[in-house]
Each structure stands twice: as C-alpha cells, then as structure tokens.
C-alpha cells in the first residue's frame, strides 16, 4: 500500500518539525504519534540525516532523534542536554526527575512508591540517571538518599523543551490505572 503523493511531500517537513519541537524523542514514539509507516519513516530519517538536519543515535537501548541544526535563534543542543532529554522522553525517568525536582532528596523506597515503579525498575533507571550525571545516591545502605545533582539544570531543560502531549490512549491508561491500583 503506497502513500499518497500529496502526503509524501510533507513527511520530511512533518518529521523535522516534530524532532525540533521534541528533541530526544524515540523513533518508535515518532512512528506512533505521527502514524508514519516504518519504511517511510526510515527513508525520510535517512534523507534528513544525510542533509545534516537530524541525527539518530542509540541511547539506553532506544533510537533517539535530535535536530542537528540550531532550533530557532538558539545554539545547537549541548551533548549533556541531549542525554538528559532522551531520558526525559521516557515515562519512568521523567517521573523520577519530576518527583525529585518537586519534593527534593528522598529515599529510594519513597521515590519508588511516589512514581509507582518496582524496586528493580527504579534501580535500573537510577543507574542510568547516575551515569548521565543527573542524580546521585548518597549514604549508607538502609539510609541511602537520592537527590538531583543540579535541580536548576533539570528545571531549565523542562522549561526549554516541552513534554510530548498526552494522547487519548495515555489519558485512558492513566485513568484506568488510577481506578485499579
């Protein structure tokens, strides 16, 4: 099943605009949000990459996309911010960072409860966030605390780059999970 000629001319523009608006977005999320057939997505991402407009790279087991040129009037996205952005595009790391930003230093157990994730899942993402230099775990076992390394940096990134809008499916799943804890 081929794509319509009028639509094929706008895929590249749509992709570039989406990646510029939501840098660090995962390739699968682009496909899901925009409804682009995988072959078409691969073709246009390759083409935009060859033109030096988009970069696709592996980070944390995901293919993530960034604009290669400056967005608006600002400079290109610095490398440490790219790592943080890719993490913020995932629900659990985003919840962890928001919880730490809003409530400050906390125990891993309290953090896991606040973001509704299992201890192994929390540990996995805390290791990734530590590796990115975003959080630090301090204290002896049993008294360990988790804190943001630089809350102002997290705040600035959150303000500069908007989160992906919640879809109707996301709202339904959140609503359903609240009904059935």
N, C-alpha and C. Protein backbone atom coordinates (compact mmCIF):
# COMPACT_ATOMS: atom_id res chain seq x y z
N UNK A 1 0.84 -1.17 0.00
CA UNK A 1 0.00 0.00 0.00
C UNK A 1 0.89 1.23 0.00
N UNK A 2 0.85 2.04 -1.03
CA UNK A 2 1.72 3.20 -1.16
C UNK A 2 1.11 4.42 -0.49
N UNK A 3 1.97 5.38 -0.24
CA UNK A 3 1.47 6.61 0.38
C UNK A 3 1.02 7.56 -0.70
N UNK A 4 0.13 8.47 -0.37
CA UNK A 4 -0.38 9.40 -1.36
C UNK A 4 0.70 10.42 -1.72
N UNK A 5 0.73 10.83 -2.99
CA UNK A 5 1.78 11.79 -3.42
C UNK A 5 1.75 13.09 -2.64
N UNK A 6 0.55 13.61 -2.35
CA UNK A 6 0.50 14.88 -1.62
C UNK A 6 1.03 14.73 -0.20
N UNK A 7 0.84 13.56 0.41
CA UNK A 7 1.34 13.33 1.77
C UNK A 7 2.85 13.09 1.78
N UNK A 8 3.36 12.40 0.76
CA UNK A 8 4.79 12.06 0.77
C UNK A 8 5.67 13.30 0.76
N UNK A 9 5.20 14.39 0.16
CA UNK A 9 5.98 15.61 0.12
C UNK A 9 6.08 16.30 1.46
N UNK A 10 5.17 16.00 2.39
CA UNK A 10 5.18 16.68 3.67
C UNK A 10 5.76 15.84 4.80
N UNK A 11 6.03 14.55 4.55
CA UNK A 11 6.57 13.72 5.62
C UNK A 11 7.87 14.28 6.17
N UNK A 12 8.78 14.67 5.30
CA UNK A 12 10.07 15.18 5.75
C UNK A 12 9.89 16.44 6.61
N UNK A 13 9.02 17.34 6.16
CA UNK A 13 8.76 18.56 6.93
C UNK A 13 8.12 18.23 8.27
N UNK A 14 7.18 17.31 8.27
CA UNK A 14 6.49 16.90 9.50
C UNK A 14 7.49 16.30 10.47
N UNK A 15 8.35 15.42 9.99
CA UNK A 15 9.36 14.79 10.84
C UNK A 15 10.33 15.82 11.43
N UNK A 16 10.84 16.68 10.58
CA UNK A 16 11.80 17.68 11.04
C UNK A 16 11.16 18.59 12.10
N UNK A 17 9.96 19.04 11.85
CA UNK A 17 9.26 19.90 12.81
C UNK A 17 9.04 19.18 14.13
N UNK A 18 8.63 17.91 14.07
CA UNK A 18 8.38 17.13 15.28
C UNK A 18 9.66 16.94 16.09
N UNK A 19 10.75 16.60 15.43
CA UNK A 19 12.03 16.38 16.12
C UNK A 19 12.57 17.70 16.68
N UNK A 20 12.36 18.80 15.97
CA UNK A 20 12.79 20.10 16.50
C UNK A 20 11.97 20.49 17.73
N UNK A 21 10.69 20.17 17.72
CA UNK A 21 9.83 20.52 18.85
C UNK A 21 10.08 19.60 20.05
N UNK A 22 10.37 18.31 19.78
CA UNK A 22 10.56 17.33 20.85
C UNK A 22 11.90 16.61 20.70
N UNK A 23 13.01 17.32 20.83
CA UNK A 23 14.31 16.66 20.69
C UNK A 23 14.48 15.55 21.72
N UNK A 24 15.16 14.48 21.30
CA UNK A 24 15.37 13.34 22.17
C UNK A 24 14.26 12.32 22.09
N UNK A 25 13.30 12.55 21.20
CA UNK A 25 12.17 11.65 21.06
C UNK A 25 12.63 10.32 20.44
N UNK A 26 12.02 9.24 20.89
CA UNK A 26 12.37 7.91 20.39
C UNK A 26 11.74 7.67 19.03
N UNK A 27 12.45 6.95 18.18
CA UNK A 27 11.97 6.66 16.85
C UNK A 27 10.59 5.98 16.88
N UNK A 28 10.40 5.03 17.78
CA UNK A 28 9.10 4.36 17.88
C UNK A 28 7.99 5.33 18.26
N UNK A 29 8.33 6.29 19.10
CA UNK A 29 7.33 7.27 19.52
C UNK A 29 6.95 8.18 18.35
N UNK A 30 7.91 8.53 17.52
CA UNK A 30 7.61 9.33 16.33
C UNK A 30 6.63 8.57 15.45
N UNK A 31 6.93 7.31 15.21
CA UNK A 31 6.07 6.48 14.37
C UNK A 31 4.67 6.39 14.96
N UNK A 32 4.60 6.18 16.26
CA UNK A 32 3.30 6.04 16.92
C UNK A 32 2.52 7.35 16.89
N UNK A 33 3.18 8.46 17.19
CA UNK A 33 2.49 9.75 17.27
C UNK A 33 2.04 10.27 15.92
N UNK A 34 2.89 10.08 14.91
CA UNK A 34 2.58 10.65 13.60
C UNK A 34 1.91 9.67 12.66
N UNK A 35 1.90 8.39 13.01
CA UNK A 35 1.27 7.39 12.15
C UNK A 35 1.98 7.20 10.83
N UNK A 36 3.28 7.33 10.85
CA UNK A 36 4.08 7.19 9.63
C UNK A 36 4.45 5.72 9.45
N UNK A 37 4.23 5.16 8.26
CA UNK A 37 4.67 3.79 8.01
C UNK A 37 6.18 3.68 8.24
N UNK A 38 6.62 2.55 8.80
CA UNK A 38 8.03 2.39 9.20
C UNK A 38 9.00 2.60 8.03
N UNK A 39 8.66 2.08 6.87
CA UNK A 39 9.54 2.26 5.70
C UNK A 39 9.67 3.73 5.32
N UNK A 40 8.57 4.44 5.37
CA UNK A 40 8.58 5.87 5.05
C UNK A 40 9.38 6.63 6.10
N UNK A 41 9.20 6.27 7.35
CA UNK A 41 9.95 6.91 8.44
C UNK A 41 11.45 6.69 8.25
N UNK A 42 11.85 5.45 8.02
CA UNK A 42 13.27 5.14 7.81
C UNK A 42 13.85 5.93 6.64
N UNK A 43 13.12 5.96 5.54
CA UNK A 43 13.59 6.67 4.35
C UNK A 43 13.81 8.16 4.65
N UNK A 44 12.82 8.80 5.25
CA UNK A 44 12.94 10.24 5.48
C UNK A 44 13.94 10.56 6.59
N UNK A 45 14.06 9.71 7.58
CA UNK A 45 15.07 9.95 8.62
C UNK A 45 16.47 9.84 8.00
N UNK A 46 16.66 8.85 7.13
CA UNK A 46 17.94 8.70 6.44
C UNK A 46 18.22 9.95 5.60
N UNK A 47 17.21 10.38 4.84
CA UNK A 47 17.38 11.56 3.98
C UNK A 47 17.68 12.81 4.79
N UNK A 48 16.94 13.03 5.88
CA UNK A 48 17.18 14.20 6.72
C UNK A 48 18.55 14.13 7.41
N UNK A 49 18.98 12.92 7.73
CA UNK A 49 20.31 12.73 8.30
C UNK A 49 21.40 13.07 7.29
N UNK A 50 21.23 12.62 6.06
CA UNK A 50 22.22 12.92 5.00
C UNK A 50 22.31 14.42 4.71
N UNK A 51 21.20 15.12 4.94
CA UNK A 51 21.19 16.57 4.73
C UNK A 51 21.72 17.34 5.94
N UNK A 52 22.07 16.60 7.00
CA UNK A 52 22.60 17.24 8.21
C UNK A 52 21.55 17.93 9.05
N UNK A 53 20.28 17.52 8.92
CA UNK A 53 19.21 18.16 9.67
C UNK A 53 18.80 17.40 10.93
N UNK A 54 18.95 16.06 10.90
CA UNK A 54 18.56 15.21 12.02
C UNK A 54 19.66 14.19 12.28
N UNK A 55 19.87 13.88 13.55
CA UNK A 55 20.79 12.80 13.93
C UNK A 55 20.00 11.76 14.70
N UNK A 56 20.19 10.50 14.35
CA UNK A 56 19.57 9.38 15.05
C UNK A 56 20.71 8.60 15.70
N UNK A 57 20.56 8.33 17.00
CA UNK A 57 21.60 7.58 17.69
C UNK A 57 20.97 6.66 18.72
N UNK A 58 21.73 5.65 19.11
CA UNK A 58 21.28 4.72 20.14
C UNK A 58 21.62 5.32 21.51
N UNK A 59 20.63 5.29 22.39
CA UNK A 59 20.88 5.74 23.76
C UNK A 59 19.96 4.93 24.68
N UNK A 60 20.57 4.17 25.57
CA UNK A 60 19.80 3.38 26.51
C UNK A 60 18.93 2.33 25.86
N UNK A 61 19.37 1.78 24.73
CA UNK A 61 18.61 0.76 24.04
C UNK A 61 17.54 1.29 23.11
N UNK A 62 17.46 2.60 22.95
CA UNK A 62 16.47 3.21 22.07
C UNK A 62 17.17 4.03 20.99
N UNK A 63 16.54 4.11 19.82
CA UNK A 63 16.99 5.06 18.80
C UNK A 63 16.31 6.38 19.12
N UNK A 64 17.11 7.41 19.37
CA UNK A 64 16.58 8.73 19.68
C UNK A 64 17.02 9.72 18.62
N UNK A 65 16.20 10.74 18.42
CA UNK A 65 16.42 11.69 17.33
C UNK A 65 16.61 13.11 17.87
N UNK A 66 17.55 13.82 17.26
CA UNK A 66 17.83 15.19 17.63
C UNK A 66 17.99 16.03 16.37
N UNK A 67 17.60 17.29 16.44
CA UNK A 67 17.90 18.18 15.32
C UNK A 67 19.40 18.47 15.33
N UNK A 68 19.99 18.52 14.17
CA UNK A 68 21.43 18.80 14.08
C UNK A 68 21.72 20.29 13.95
N UNK A 69 20.70 21.05 13.63
CA UNK A 69 20.88 22.49 13.47
C UNK A 69 20.28 23.19 14.68
N UNK A 70 20.62 24.45 14.83
CA UNK A 70 20.07 25.24 15.93
C UNK A 70 18.56 25.33 15.78
N UNK A 71 17.86 25.32 16.93
CA UNK A 71 16.41 25.46 16.92
C UNK A 71 16.10 26.93 17.15
N UNK A 72 15.38 27.54 16.22
CA UNK A 72 15.07 28.97 16.35
C UNK A 72 16.34 29.78 16.31
N UNK A 73 16.49 30.65 17.26
CA UNK A 73 17.65 31.53 17.32
C UNK A 73 18.76 30.99 18.22
N UNK A 74 18.47 29.93 18.97
CA UNK A 74 19.43 29.43 19.93
C UNK A 74 20.51 28.57 19.31
N UNK A 75 21.52 28.23 20.12
CA UNK A 75 22.61 27.36 19.65
C UNK A 75 22.13 25.91 19.59
N UNK A 76 22.91 25.04 18.94
CA UNK A 76 22.56 23.62 18.95
C UNK A 76 22.50 23.08 20.38
N UNK A 77 21.82 21.98 20.56
CA UNK A 77 21.65 21.40 21.90
C UNK A 77 22.99 20.81 22.36
N UNK A 78 23.47 21.20 23.54
CA UNK A 78 24.74 20.64 24.05
C UNK A 78 24.59 19.14 24.33
N UNK A 79 25.68 18.41 24.20
CA UNK A 79 25.67 16.95 24.37
C UNK A 79 25.09 16.49 25.71
N UNK A 80 25.48 17.07 26.85
CA UNK A 80 24.88 16.61 28.12
C UNK A 80 23.36 16.80 28.16
N UNK A 81 22.88 17.85 27.52
CA UNK A 81 21.43 18.09 27.47
C UNK A 81 20.73 17.06 26.60
N UNK A 82 21.40 16.58 25.56
CA UNK A 82 20.81 15.55 24.71
C UNK A 82 20.58 14.26 25.51
N UNK A 83 21.55 13.91 26.34
CA UNK A 83 21.41 12.71 27.17
C UNK A 83 20.23 12.87 28.12
N UNK A 84 20.13 14.02 28.76
CA UNK A 84 19.04 14.29 29.69
C UNK A 84 17.69 14.31 28.97
N UNK A 85 17.63 14.92 27.81
CA UNK A 85 16.38 14.98 27.04
C UNK A 85 15.88 13.59 26.66
N UNK A 86 16.79 12.74 26.21
CA UNK A 86 16.39 11.38 25.83
C UNK A 86 15.82 10.64 27.04
N UNK A 87 16.38 10.86 28.21
CA UNK A 87 15.84 10.24 29.43
C UNK A 87 14.48 10.83 29.79
N UNK A 88 14.32 12.13 29.63
CA UNK A 88 13.06 12.78 29.96
C UNK A 88 11.92 12.37 29.03
N UNK A 89 12.23 11.80 27.89
CA UNK A 89 11.19 11.35 26.96
C UNK A 89 10.62 9.99 27.37
N UNK A 90 11.21 9.35 28.38
CA UNK A 90 10.72 8.06 28.88
C UNK A 90 9.92 8.31 30.16
N UNK A 91 8.80 7.62 30.32
CA UNK A 91 7.92 7.90 31.46
C UNK A 91 8.55 7.73 32.85
N UNK A 92 9.25 6.63 33.10
CA UNK A 92 9.78 6.40 34.45
C UNK A 92 10.90 7.39 34.80
N UNK A 93 11.91 7.57 33.96
CA UNK A 93 12.93 8.58 34.32
C UNK A 93 12.34 9.97 34.47
N UNK A 94 11.37 10.33 33.61
CA UNK A 94 10.73 11.64 33.73
C UNK A 94 10.02 11.76 35.08
N UNK A 95 9.30 10.72 35.49
CA UNK A 95 8.60 10.74 36.78
C UNK A 95 9.59 10.86 37.94
N UNK A 96 10.71 10.14 37.84
CA UNK A 96 11.74 10.20 38.89
C UNK A 96 12.29 11.62 39.00
N UNK A 97 12.65 12.19 37.86
CA UNK A 97 13.24 13.54 37.89
C UNK A 97 12.24 14.59 38.37
N UNK A 98 11.00 14.48 37.93
CA UNK A 98 9.99 15.44 38.38
C UNK A 98 9.74 15.30 39.88
N UNK A 99 9.68 14.07 40.37
CA UNK A 99 9.46 13.84 41.79
C UNK A 99 10.60 14.43 42.62
N UNK A 100 11.83 14.19 42.18
CA UNK A 100 12.99 14.73 42.90
C UNK A 100 13.03 16.25 42.81
N UNK A 101 12.64 16.79 41.67
CA UNK A 101 12.63 18.24 41.50
C UNK A 101 11.59 18.88 42.43
N UNK A 102 10.42 18.28 42.49
CA UNK A 102 9.33 18.86 43.28
C UNK A 102 9.49 18.63 44.78
N UNK A 103 9.94 17.42 45.16
CA UNK A 103 9.99 17.09 46.58
C UNK A 103 11.40 17.07 47.18
N UNK A 104 12.42 17.15 46.35
CA UNK A 104 13.78 17.16 46.86
C UNK A 104 14.29 15.77 47.20
N UNK A 105 15.36 15.73 47.94
CA UNK A 105 16.04 14.49 48.32
C UNK A 105 15.07 13.55 49.03
N UNK A 106 15.15 12.26 48.68
CA UNK A 106 14.27 11.26 49.26
C UNK A 106 14.93 9.89 49.25
N UNK A 107 14.34 8.97 49.96
CA UNK A 107 14.86 7.60 49.97
C UNK A 107 14.42 6.88 48.69
N UNK A 108 15.21 5.88 48.24
CA UNK A 108 14.79 5.12 47.06
C UNK A 108 13.42 4.48 47.24
N UNK A 109 13.12 3.99 48.43
CA UNK A 109 11.82 3.35 48.66
C UNK A 109 10.68 4.35 48.48
N UNK A 110 10.81 5.53 49.06
CA UNK A 110 9.78 6.57 48.92
C UNK A 110 9.65 7.00 47.47
N UNK A 111 10.79 7.11 46.79
CA UNK A 111 10.78 7.50 45.39
C UNK A 111 10.06 6.46 44.53
N UNK A 112 10.35 5.18 44.76
CA UNK A 112 9.69 4.11 44.01
C UNK A 112 8.19 4.12 44.21
N UNK A 113 7.75 4.36 45.44
CA UNK A 113 6.32 4.43 45.73
C UNK A 113 5.69 5.64 45.06
N UNK A 114 6.38 6.77 45.09
CA UNK A 114 5.84 8.01 44.52
C UNK A 114 5.67 7.92 43.01
N UNK A 115 6.58 7.20 42.34
CA UNK A 115 6.49 7.10 40.88
C UNK A 115 5.85 5.79 40.42
N UNK A 116 5.38 5.00 41.39
CA UNK A 116 4.67 3.74 41.10
C UNK A 116 5.47 2.79 40.21
N UNK A 117 6.68 2.48 40.66
CA UNK A 117 7.51 1.53 39.91
C UNK A 117 8.14 0.55 40.89
N UNK A 118 8.54 -0.59 40.35
CA UNK A 118 9.15 -1.63 41.18
C UNK A 118 10.57 -1.25 41.58
N UNK A 119 11.08 -1.90 42.63
CA UNK A 119 12.45 -1.63 43.08
C UNK A 119 13.48 -1.94 41.99
N UNK A 120 13.38 -3.09 41.28
CA UNK A 120 14.36 -3.34 40.21
C UNK A 120 14.30 -2.30 39.08
N UNK A 121 13.08 -1.88 38.72
CA UNK A 121 12.93 -0.88 37.67
C UNK A 121 13.50 0.46 38.12
N UNK A 122 13.23 0.83 39.37
CA UNK A 122 13.77 2.07 39.91
C UNK A 122 15.29 2.03 39.92
N UNK A 123 15.85 0.91 40.36
CA UNK A 123 17.30 0.76 40.41
C UNK A 123 17.92 0.90 39.02
N UNK A 124 17.29 0.26 38.04
CA UNK A 124 17.78 0.33 36.65
C UNK A 124 17.84 1.78 36.17
N UNK A 125 16.75 2.52 36.38
CA UNK A 125 16.71 3.90 35.89
C UNK A 125 17.59 4.83 36.72
N UNK A 126 17.71 4.57 38.02
CA UNK A 126 18.61 5.39 38.83
C UNK A 126 20.06 5.22 38.37
N UNK A 127 20.44 4.00 38.00
CA UNK A 127 21.80 3.78 37.47
C UNK A 127 22.01 4.57 36.19
N UNK A 128 21.01 4.57 35.32
CA UNK A 128 21.12 5.35 34.07
C UNK A 128 21.19 6.84 34.35
N UNK A 129 20.37 7.31 35.28
CA UNK A 129 20.37 8.73 35.62
C UNK A 129 21.68 9.13 36.32
N UNK A 130 22.23 8.23 37.14
CA UNK A 130 23.54 8.49 37.76
C UNK A 130 24.62 8.55 36.70
N UNK A 131 24.57 7.60 35.75
CA UNK A 131 25.55 7.58 34.66
C UNK A 131 25.52 8.85 33.83
N UNK A 132 24.35 9.45 33.73
CA UNK A 132 24.21 10.70 32.99
C UNK A 132 24.56 11.92 33.83
N UNK A 133 24.90 11.67 35.11
CA UNK A 133 25.29 12.77 35.98
C UNK A 133 24.12 13.64 36.43
N UNK A 134 22.91 13.08 36.45
CA UNK A 134 21.73 13.85 36.78
C UNK A 134 21.31 13.65 38.24
N UNK A 135 21.47 12.43 38.75
CA UNK A 135 21.14 12.15 40.15
C UNK A 135 22.34 11.53 40.84
N UNK A 136 22.30 11.55 42.16
CA UNK A 136 23.33 10.89 42.95
C UNK A 136 22.63 10.20 44.12
N UNK A 137 23.13 9.00 44.44
CA UNK A 137 22.65 8.28 45.63
C UNK A 137 23.73 8.40 46.68
N UNK A 138 23.33 8.83 47.88
CA UNK A 138 24.29 9.06 48.95
C UNK A 138 23.85 8.34 50.21
N UNK A 139 24.80 8.05 51.08
CA UNK A 139 24.50 7.46 52.37
C UNK A 139 24.77 5.97 52.40
N UNK A 140 24.75 5.44 53.60
CA UNK A 140 24.98 4.01 53.82
C UNK A 140 23.74 3.23 53.42
N UNK A 141 23.94 1.95 53.06
CA UNK A 141 22.76 1.12 52.76
C UNK A 141 21.77 1.16 53.92
N UNK A 142 20.50 1.26 53.56
CA UNK A 142 19.46 1.38 54.57
C UNK A 142 19.15 2.82 54.94
N UNK A 143 20.11 3.71 54.65
CA UNK A 143 19.92 5.14 54.91
C UNK A 143 20.15 5.96 53.64
N UNK A 144 20.19 5.27 52.53
CA UNK A 144 20.50 5.91 51.25
C UNK A 144 19.44 6.94 50.87
N UNK A 145 19.91 8.02 50.26
CA UNK A 145 19.04 9.09 49.78
C UNK A 145 19.39 9.38 48.32
N UNK A 146 18.40 9.80 47.56
CA UNK A 146 18.59 10.15 46.15
C UNK A 146 18.30 11.63 46.00
N UNK A 147 19.16 12.32 45.25
CA UNK A 147 18.93 13.75 45.01
C UNK A 147 19.38 14.13 43.61
N UNK A 148 18.83 15.22 43.12
CA UNK A 148 19.27 15.77 41.84
C UNK A 148 20.63 16.43 42.03
N UNK A 149 21.51 16.26 41.07
CA UNK A 149 22.82 16.90 41.13
C UNK A 149 22.66 18.41 40.90
N UNK A 150 21.85 18.78 39.91
CA UNK A 150 21.67 20.19 39.57
C UNK A 150 20.20 20.46 39.25
N UNK A 151 19.39 20.74 40.27
CA UNK A 151 17.96 20.99 40.03
C UNK A 151 17.69 22.13 39.05
N UNK A 152 18.54 23.15 39.05
CA UNK A 152 18.35 24.28 38.12
C UNK A 152 18.48 23.83 36.67
N UNK A 153 19.40 22.91 36.40
CA UNK A 153 19.58 22.40 35.04
C UNK A 153 18.34 21.62 34.60
N UNK A 154 17.83 20.75 35.47
CA UNK A 154 16.63 19.98 35.15
C UNK A 154 15.47 20.94 34.89
N UNK A 155 15.34 21.95 35.72
CA UNK A 155 14.28 22.95 35.56
C UNK A 155 14.41 23.65 34.20
N UNK A 156 15.61 24.07 33.85
CA UNK A 156 15.84 24.78 32.59
C UNK A 156 15.49 23.89 31.39
N UNK A 157 15.87 22.63 31.43
CA UNK A 157 15.56 21.70 30.34
C UNK A 157 14.05 21.50 30.23
N UNK A 158 13.40 21.31 31.37
CA UNK A 158 11.95 21.12 31.35
C UNK A 158 11.22 22.33 30.78
N UNK A 159 11.72 23.53 31.07
CA UNK A 159 11.09 24.74 30.54
C UNK A 159 11.38 24.94 29.05
N UNK A 160 12.60 24.60 28.64
CA UNK A 160 13.01 24.87 27.26
C UNK A 160 12.40 23.89 26.26
N UNK A 161 12.23 22.62 26.67
CA UNK A 161 11.75 21.60 25.75
C UNK A 161 10.47 20.98 26.30
N UNK A 162 9.35 21.23 25.65
CA UNK A 162 8.07 20.75 26.19
C UNK A 162 7.97 19.23 26.14
N UNK A 163 7.19 18.67 27.08
CA UNK A 163 6.97 17.22 27.03
C UNK A 163 6.06 16.88 25.85
N UNK A 164 6.09 15.63 25.46
CA UNK A 164 5.16 15.18 24.42
C UNK A 164 3.75 15.31 24.96
N UNK A 165 2.82 15.78 24.14
CA UNK A 165 1.45 15.90 24.63
C UNK A 165 0.86 14.52 24.94
N UNK A 166 0.01 14.48 25.93
CA UNK A 166 -0.64 13.23 26.32
C UNK A 166 -1.69 12.89 25.26
N UNK A 167 -1.68 11.65 24.81
CA UNK A 167 -2.65 11.19 23.82
C UNK A 167 -3.90 10.69 24.54
N UNK A 168 -5.01 10.52 23.82
CA UNK A 168 -6.20 9.94 24.44
C UNK A 168 -5.92 8.56 25.05
N UNK A 169 -5.09 7.76 24.41
CA UNK A 169 -4.75 6.44 24.95
C UNK A 169 -3.99 6.59 26.26
N UNK A 170 -3.05 7.55 26.31
CA UNK A 170 -2.30 7.80 27.55
C UNK A 170 -3.25 8.20 28.68
N UNK A 171 -4.20 9.08 28.37
CA UNK A 171 -5.15 9.52 29.39
C UNK A 171 -6.00 8.35 29.88
N UNK A 172 -6.46 7.51 28.95
CA UNK A 172 -7.27 6.36 29.33
C UNK A 172 -6.47 5.41 30.23
N UNK A 173 -5.23 5.10 29.85
CA UNK A 173 -4.40 4.19 30.65
C UNK A 173 -4.14 4.75 32.04
N UNK A 174 -3.87 6.05 32.12
CA UNK A 174 -3.65 6.68 33.43
C UNK A 174 -4.92 6.60 34.27
N UNK A 175 -6.06 6.91 33.66
CA UNK A 175 -7.35 6.85 34.34
C UNK A 175 -7.63 5.42 34.81
N UNK A 176 -7.41 4.45 33.95
CA UNK A 176 -7.67 3.04 34.28
C UNK A 176 -6.78 2.58 35.43
N UNK A 177 -5.50 2.96 35.38
CA UNK A 177 -4.58 2.54 36.45
C UNK A 177 -4.94 3.20 37.78
N UNK A 178 -5.53 4.40 37.76
CA UNK A 178 -5.95 5.04 38.99
C UNK A 178 -7.18 4.35 39.57
N UNK A 179 -8.01 3.79 38.71
CA UNK A 179 -9.20 3.06 39.18
C UNK A 179 -8.85 1.70 39.78
N UNK A 180 -7.79 1.10 39.24
CA UNK A 180 -7.38 -0.24 39.67
C UNK A 180 -5.94 -0.23 40.17
N UNK A 181 -5.72 0.28 41.39
CA UNK A 181 -4.33 0.38 41.89
C UNK A 181 -3.68 -0.95 42.14
